Structures are given as C-alpha cells and as structure tokens.
Amino acid sequence: MAIQMRRHQVHWFNHRRMHGFYALAPRLVRGDQACGFGEMVLIDGETRTLVGRADDSAPGTLPPSS
C-alpha cells in the first residue's frame, strides 16, 4: 500500500508562511500493521530541501548503504 502526497502538502494544509526546520513523520495504520518514515525539511522562502539528502526525488527511502 502506498500513498502519494501532493507536492508541498504540508504548506497546503497550513496556509501561514513557513520558515525553518520541520520534522515530518507520516504513519499509515491498517488493522494490526503500520508503516512510517521520517524526514527533516528545511524551508527557506520558496526553497524546500530534504536535510541530509543529495537528491530530493526519493523521500521516505533508506539512504544507500556504503
């Protein structure tokens, strides 16, 4: 099961201007099963950056193992 979030959905739900670091931790629960992930986001004006990621195209995935 997967849920695709709309781009900048956090800003869509919260209409006041956002600035700073935010921790997002969505969690899905179905019956006795649950899944979730966490991301740190930096919002500076119109720039949104996933903290600790070189590429922001895969939020919610594990970083490559070295």
PDB file of N, CA and C in Angstrom:
ATOM      1  N   MET A   1       0.845  -1.170   0.000  1.00  0.00           N
ATOM      2  CA  MET A   1       0.000   0.000   0.000  1.00  0.00           C
ATOM      3  C   MET A   1       0.895   1.240   0.000  1.00  0.00           C
ATOM      4  N   ALA A   2       0.601   2.194  -0.832  1.00  0.00           N
ATOM      5  CA  ALA A   2       1.388   3.426  -0.893  1.00  0.00           C
ATOM      6  C   ALA A   2       0.451   4.620  -1.029  1.00  0.00           C
ATOM      7  N   ILE A   3       0.860   5.726  -0.460  1.00  0.00           N
ATOM      8  CA  ILE A   3       0.110   6.974  -0.598  1.00  0.00           C
ATOM      9  C   ILE A   3       1.052   8.012  -1.171  1.00  0.00           C
ATOM     10  N   GLN A   4       0.676   8.626  -2.264  1.00  0.00           N
ATOM     11  CA  GLN A   4       1.483   9.668  -2.894  1.00  0.00           C
ATOM     12  C   GLN A   4       0.991  11.015  -2.375  1.00  0.00           C
ATOM     13  N   MET A   5       1.851  11.746  -1.697  1.00  0.00           N
ATOM     14  CA  MET A   5       1.464  13.065  -1.193  1.00  0.00           C
ATOM     15  C   MET A   5       1.653  14.106  -2.286  1.00  0.00           C
ATOM     16  N   ARG A   6       0.736  15.060  -2.332  1.00  0.00           N
ATOM     17  CA  ARG A   6       0.871  16.157  -3.280  1.00  0.00           C
ATOM     18  C   ARG A   6       2.102  16.979  -2.927  1.00  0.00           C
ATOM     19  N   ARG A   7       2.695  17.600  -3.926  1.00  0.00           N
ATOM     20  CA  ARG A   7       3.887  18.408  -3.707  1.00  0.00           C
ATOM     21  C   ARG A   7       3.581  19.525  -2.711  1.00  0.00           C
ATOM     22  N   HIS A   8       4.435  19.669  -1.736  1.00  0.00           N
ATOM     23  CA  HIS A   8       4.315  20.711  -0.704  1.00  0.00           C
ATOM     24  C   HIS A   8       2.990  20.601   0.056  1.00  0.00           C
ATOM     25  N   GLN A   9       2.539  19.380   0.331  1.00  0.00           N
ATOM     26  CA  GLN A   9       1.262  19.191   1.001  1.00  0.00           C
ATOM     27  C   GLN A   9       1.265  19.798   2.403  1.00  0.00           C
ATOM     28  N   VAL A  10       2.402  19.833   3.059  1.00  0.00           N
ATOM     29  CA  VAL A  10       2.466  20.449   4.385  1.00  0.00           C
ATOM     30  C   VAL A  10       2.063  21.912   4.289  1.00  0.00           C
ATOM     31  N   HIS A  11       2.565  22.620   3.280  1.00  0.00           N
ATOM     32  CA  HIS A  11       2.218  24.024   3.092  1.00  0.00           C
ATOM     33  C   HIS A  11       0.753  24.169   2.708  1.00  0.00           C
ATOM     34  N   TRP A  12       0.219  23.217   1.966  1.00  0.00           N
ATOM     35  CA  TRP A  12      -1.174  23.260   1.532  1.00  0.00           C
ATOM     36  C   TRP A  12      -2.109  23.177   2.729  1.00  0.00           C
ATOM     37  N   PHE A  13      -1.778  22.353   3.728  1.00  0.00           N
ATOM     38  CA  PHE A  13      -2.611  22.219   4.913  1.00  0.00           C
ATOM     39  C   PHE A  13      -2.458  23.404   5.862  1.00  0.00           C
ATOM     40  N   ASN A  14      -1.338  24.096   5.817  1.00  0.00           N
ATOM     41  CA  ASN A  14      -1.051  25.179   6.741  1.00  0.00           C
ATOM     42  C   ASN A  14      -0.791  26.442   5.918  1.00  0.00           C
ATOM     43  N   HIS A  15      -1.765  27.330   5.859  1.00  0.00           N
ATOM     44  CA  HIS A  15      -1.682  28.464   4.940  1.00  0.00           C
ATOM     45  C   HIS A  15      -0.781  29.599   5.413  1.00  0.00           C
ATOM     46  N   ARG A  16      -0.338  29.575   6.668  1.00  0.00           N
ATOM     47  CA  ARG A  16       0.579  30.640   7.090  1.00  0.00           C
ATOM     48  C   ARG A  16       1.966  30.386   6.503  1.00  0.00           C
ATOM     49  N   ARG A  17       2.755  31.417   6.382  1.00  0.00           N
ATOM     50  CA  ARG A  17       4.083  31.296   5.789  1.00  0.00           C
ATOM     51  C   ARG A  17       4.973  30.443   6.683  1.00  0.00           C
ATOM     52  N   MET A  18       5.641  29.471   6.092  1.00  0.00           N
ATOM     53  CA  MET A  18       6.500  28.566   6.844  1.00  0.00           C
ATOM     54  C   MET A  18       7.953  28.920   6.582  1.00  0.00           C
ATOM     55  N   HIS A  19       8.763  28.832   7.631  1.00  0.00           N
ATOM     56  CA  HIS A  19      10.190  29.112   7.511  1.00  0.00           C
ATOM     57  C   HIS A  19      10.907  28.358   8.622  1.00  0.00           C
ATOM     58  N   GLY A  20      11.955  27.618   8.266  1.00  0.00           N
ATOM     59  CA  GLY A  20      12.740  26.913   9.276  1.00  0.00           C
ATOM     60  C   GLY A  20      12.816  25.420   9.018  1.00  0.00           C
ATOM     61  N   PHE A  21      13.174  24.677  10.075  1.00  0.00           N
ATOM     62  CA  PHE A  21      13.303  23.221  10.002  1.00  0.00           C
ATOM     63  C   PHE A  21      12.014  22.577  10.500  1.00  0.00           C
ATOM     64  N   TYR A  22      11.588  21.535   9.816  1.00  0.00           N
ATOM     65  CA  TYR A  22      10.397  20.790  10.210  1.00  0.00           C
ATOM     66  C   TYR A  22      10.700  19.303  10.153  1.00  0.00           C
ATOM     67  N   ALA A  23      10.192  18.555  11.121  1.00  0.00           N
ATOM     68  CA  ALA A  23      10.318  17.094  11.126  1.00  0.00           C
ATOM     69  C   ALA A  23       8.968  16.520  10.716  1.00  0.00           C
ATOM     70  N   LEU A  24       8.971  15.743   9.654  1.00  0.00           N
ATOM     71  CA  LEU A  24       7.757  15.101   9.168  1.00  0.00           C
ATOM     72  C   LEU A  24       7.870  13.608   9.441  1.00  0.00           C
ATOM     73  N   ALA A  25       6.830  13.027   9.995  1.00  0.00           N
ATOM     74  CA  ALA A  25       6.850  11.592  10.287  1.00  0.00           C
ATOM     75  C   ALA A  25       5.473  10.994   9.999  1.00  0.00           C
ATOM     76  N   PRO A  26       5.107  10.865   8.720  1.00  0.00           N
ATOM     77  CA  PRO A  26       3.813  10.260   8.400  1.00  0.00           C
ATOM     78  C   PRO A  26       3.783   8.790   8.806  1.00  0.00           C
ATOM     79  N   ARG A  27       2.621   8.325   9.214  1.00  0.00           N
ATOM     80  CA  ARG A  27       2.458   6.930   9.644  1.00  0.00           C
ATOM     81  C   ARG A  27       1.129   6.419   9.111  1.00  0.00           C
ATOM     82  N   LEU A  28       1.143   5.253   8.501  1.00  0.00           N
ATOM     83  CA  LEU A  28      -0.064   4.610   7.990  1.00  0.00           C
ATOM     84  C   LEU A  28      -0.364   3.391   8.847  1.00  0.00           C
ATOM     85  N   VAL A  29      -1.623   3.232   9.212  1.00  0.00           N
ATOM     86  CA  VAL A  29      -2.029   2.083  10.016  1.00  0.00           C
ATOM     87  C   VAL A  29      -3.219   1.427   9.335  1.00  0.00           C
ATOM     88  N   ARG A  30      -3.133   0.118   9.175  1.00  0.00           N
ATOM     89  CA  ARG A  30      -4.251  -0.655   8.632  1.00  0.00           C
ATOM     90  C   ARG A  30      -4.364  -1.925   9.466  1.00  0.00           C
ATOM     91  N   GLY A  31      -5.411  -1.989  10.257  1.00  0.00           N
ATOM     92  CA  GLY A  31      -5.575  -3.148  11.133  1.00  0.00           C
ATOM     93  C   GLY A  31      -4.443  -3.232  12.137  1.00  0.00           C
ATOM     94  N   ASP A  32      -3.726  -4.357  12.134  1.00  0.00           N
ATOM     95  CA  ASP A  32      -2.612  -4.532  13.065  1.00  0.00           C
ATOM     96  C   ASP A  32      -1.260  -4.274  12.412  1.00  0.00           C
ATOM     97  N   GLN A  33      -1.246  -3.704  11.207  1.00  0.00           N
ATOM     98  CA  GLN A  33       0.002  -3.379  10.512  1.00  0.00           C
ATOM     99  C   GLN A  33       0.175  -1.866  10.429  1.00  0.00           C
ATOM    100  N   ALA A  34       1.428  -1.427  10.530  1.00  0.00           N
ATOM    101  CA  ALA A  34       1.723   0.004  10.439  1.00  0.00           C
ATOM    102  C   ALA A  34       3.054   0.200   9.732  1.00  0.00           C
ATOM    103  N   CYS A  35       3.195   1.328   9.073  1.00  0.00           N
ATOM    104  CA  CYS A  35       4.475   1.694   8.469  1.00  0.00           C
ATOM    105  C   CYS A  35       4.623   3.205   8.563  1.00  0.00           C
ATOM    106  N   GLY A  36       5.857   3.667   8.531  1.00  0.00           N
ATOM    107  CA  GLY A  36       6.102   5.096   8.624  1.00  0.00           C
ATOM    108  C   GLY A  36       7.535   5.413   8.282  1.00  0.00           C
ATOM    109  N   PHE A  37       7.827   6.689   8.151  1.00  0.00           N
ATOM    110  CA  PHE A  37       9.183   7.147   7.894  1.00  0.00           C
ATOM    111  C   PHE A  37       9.311   8.564   8.425  1.00  0.00           C
ATOM    112  N   GLY A  38      10.515   9.053   8.499  1.00  0.00           N
ATOM    113  CA  GLY A  38      10.740  10.407   8.982  1.00  0.00           C
ATOM    114  C   GLY A  38      11.683  11.160   8.073  1.00  0.00           C
ATOM    115  N   GLU A  39      11.435  12.432   7.904  1.00  0.00           N
ATOM    116  CA  GLU A  39      12.300  13.303   7.104  1.00  0.00           C
ATOM    117  C   GLU A  39      12.427  14.648   7.807  1.00  0.00           C
ATOM    118  N   MET A  40      13.572  15.278   7.652  1.00  0.00           N
ATOM    119  CA  MET A  40      13.777  16.653   8.108  1.00  0.00           C
ATOM    120  C   MET A  40      13.726  17.542   6.872  1.00  0.00           C
ATOM    121  N   VAL A  41      12.967  18.619   6.947  1.00  0.00           N
ATOM    122  CA  VAL A  41      12.790  19.522   5.818  1.00  0.00           C
ATOM    123  C   VAL A  41      13.211  20.921   6.242  1.00  0.00           C
ATOM    124  N   LEU A  42      13.985  21.590   5.395  1.00  0.00           N
ATOM    125  CA  LEU A  42      14.348  22.993   5.601  1.00  0.00           C
ATOM    126  C   LEU A  42      13.562  23.819   4.597  1.00  0.00           C
ATOM    127  N   ILE A  43      12.775  24.781   5.092  1.00  0.00           N
ATOM    128  CA  ILE A  43      12.015  25.677   4.227  1.00  0.00           C
ATOM    129  C   ILE A  43      12.577  27.073   4.418  1.00  0.00           C
ATOM    130  N   ASP A  44      13.082  27.644   3.339  1.00  0.00           N
ATOM    131  CA  ASP A  44      13.676  28.981   3.347  1.00  0.00           C
ATOM    132  C   ASP A  44      13.122  29.736   2.149  1.00  0.00           C
ATOM    133  N   GLY A  45      12.092  30.531   2.383  1.00  0.00           N
ATOM    134  CA  GLY A  45      11.436  31.222   1.278  1.00  0.00           C
ATOM    135  C   GLY A  45      10.730  30.216   0.391  1.00  0.00           C
ATOM    136  N   GLU A  46      11.054  30.221  -0.889  1.00  0.00           N
ATOM    137  CA  GLU A  46      10.466  29.271  -1.831  1.00  0.00           C
ATOM    138  C   GLU A  46      11.310  28.011  -1.983  1.00  0.00           C
ATOM    139  N   THR A  47      12.430  27.905  -1.258  1.00  0.00           N
ATOM    140  CA  THR A  47      13.321  26.750  -1.359  1.00  0.00           C
ATOM    141  C   THR A  47      12.974  25.730  -0.287  1.00  0.00           C
ATOM    142  N   ARG A  48      12.711  24.501  -0.714  1.00  0.00           N
ATOM    143  CA  ARG A  48      12.418  23.396   0.207  1.00  0.00           C
ATOM    144  C   ARG A  48      13.458  22.317  -0.015  1.00  0.00           C
ATOM    145  N   THR A  49      14.145  21.904   1.060  1.00  0.00           N
ATOM    146  CA  THR A  49      15.252  20.959   0.960  1.00  0.00           C
ATOM    147  C   THR A  49      15.061  19.832   1.957  1.00  0.00           C
ATOM    148  N   LEU A  50      15.245  18.589   1.497  1.00  0.00           N
ATOM    149  CA  LEU A  50      15.280  17.447   2.410  1.00  0.00           C
ATOM    150  C   LEU A  50      16.668  17.416   3.027  1.00  0.00           C
ATOM    151  N   VAL A  51      16.755  17.584   4.336  1.00  0.00           N
ATOM    152  CA  VAL A  51      18.038  17.656   5.025  1.00  0.00           C
ATOM    153  C   VAL A  51      18.707  16.282   5.006  1.00  0.00           C
ATOM    154  N   GLY A  52      19.993  16.257   4.657  1.00  0.00           N
ATOM    155  CA  GLY A  52      20.753  15.016   4.645  1.00  0.00           C
ATOM    156  C   GLY A  52      20.614  14.210   3.371  1.00  0.00           C
ATOM    157  N   ARG A  53      19.987  14.778   2.349  1.00  0.00           N
ATOM    158  CA  ARG A  53      19.806  14.071   1.077  1.00  0.00           C
ATOM    159  C   ARG A  53      20.453  14.870  -0.041  1.00  0.00           C
ATOM    160  N   ALA A  54      21.211  14.194  -0.874  1.00  0.00           N
ATOM    161  CA  ALA A  54      21.803  14.853  -2.038  1.00  0.00           C
ATOM    162  C   ALA A  54      20.758  15.023  -3.132  1.00  0.00           C
ATOM    163  N   ASP A  55      19.752  14.137  -3.158  1.00  0.00           N
ATOM    164  CA  ASP A  55      18.724  14.144  -4.195  1.00  0.00           C
ATOM    165  C   ASP A  55      17.368  14.095  -3.497  1.00  0.00           C
ATOM    166  N   ASP A  56      16.494  15.048  -3.771  1.00  0.00           N
ATOM    167  CA  ASP A  56      15.204  15.083  -3.084  1.00  0.00           C
ATOM    168  C   ASP A  56      14.107  14.349  -3.851  1.00  0.00           C
ATOM    169  N   SER A  57      14.474  13.456  -4.771  1.00  0.00           N
ATOM    170  CA  SER A  57      13.466  12.761  -5.568  1.00  0.00           C
ATOM    171  C   SER A  57      12.929  11.500  -4.901  1.00  0.00           C
ATOM    172  N   ALA A  58      13.502  11.080  -3.783  1.00  0.00           N
ATOM    173  CA  ALA A  58      13.060   9.830  -3.159  1.00  0.00           C
ATOM    174  C   ALA A  58      12.851   9.973  -1.655  1.00  0.00           C
ATOM    175  N   PRO A  59      11.937  10.849  -1.210  1.00  0.00           N
ATOM    176  CA  PRO A  59      11.700  10.946   0.231  1.00  0.00           C
ATOM    177  C   PRO A  59      11.091   9.654   0.761  1.00  0.00           C
ATOM    178  N   GLY A  60      11.427   9.331   1.986  1.00  0.00           N
ATOM    179  CA  GLY A  60      10.878   8.144   2.616  1.00  0.00           C
ATOM    180  C   GLY A  60      11.613   6.866   2.279  1.00  0.00           C
ATOM    181  N   THR A  61      12.762   6.960   1.618  1.00  0.00           N
ATOM    182  CA  THR A  61      13.544   5.768   1.296  1.00  0.00           C
ATOM    183  C   THR A  61      14.794   5.731   2.165  1.00  0.00           C
ATOM    184  N   LEU A  62      15.358   4.565   2.305  1.00  0.00           N
ATOM    185  CA  LEU A  62      16.593   4.434   3.071  1.00  0.00           C
ATOM    186  C   LEU A  62      17.766   4.931   2.245  1.00  0.00           C
ATOM    187  N   PRO A  63      18.749   5.574   2.871  1.00  0.00           N
ATOM    188  CA  PRO A  63      19.935   6.006   2.118  1.00  0.00           C
ATOM    189  C   PRO A  63      20.718   4.790   1.634  1.00  0.00           C
ATOM    190  N   PRO A  64      21.470   4.925   0.545  1.00  0.00           N
ATOM    191  CA  PRO A  64      22.244   3.780   0.039  1.00  0.00           C
ATOM    192  C   PRO A  64      23.286   3.342   1.061  1.00  0.00           C
ATOM    193  N   SER A  65      23.484   2.029   1.166  1.00  0.00           N
ATOM    194  CA  SER A  65      24.489   1.517   2.100  1.00  0.00           C
ATOM    195  C   SER A  65      25.872   1.649   1.484  1.00  0.00           C
ATOM    196  N   SER A  66      26.860   1.905   2.329  1.00  0.00           N
ATOM    197  CA  SER A  66      28.219   2.096   1.804  1.00  0.00           C
ATOM    198  C   SER A  66      29.078   0.882   2.019  1.00  0.00           C
TER     199      SER A  66
END
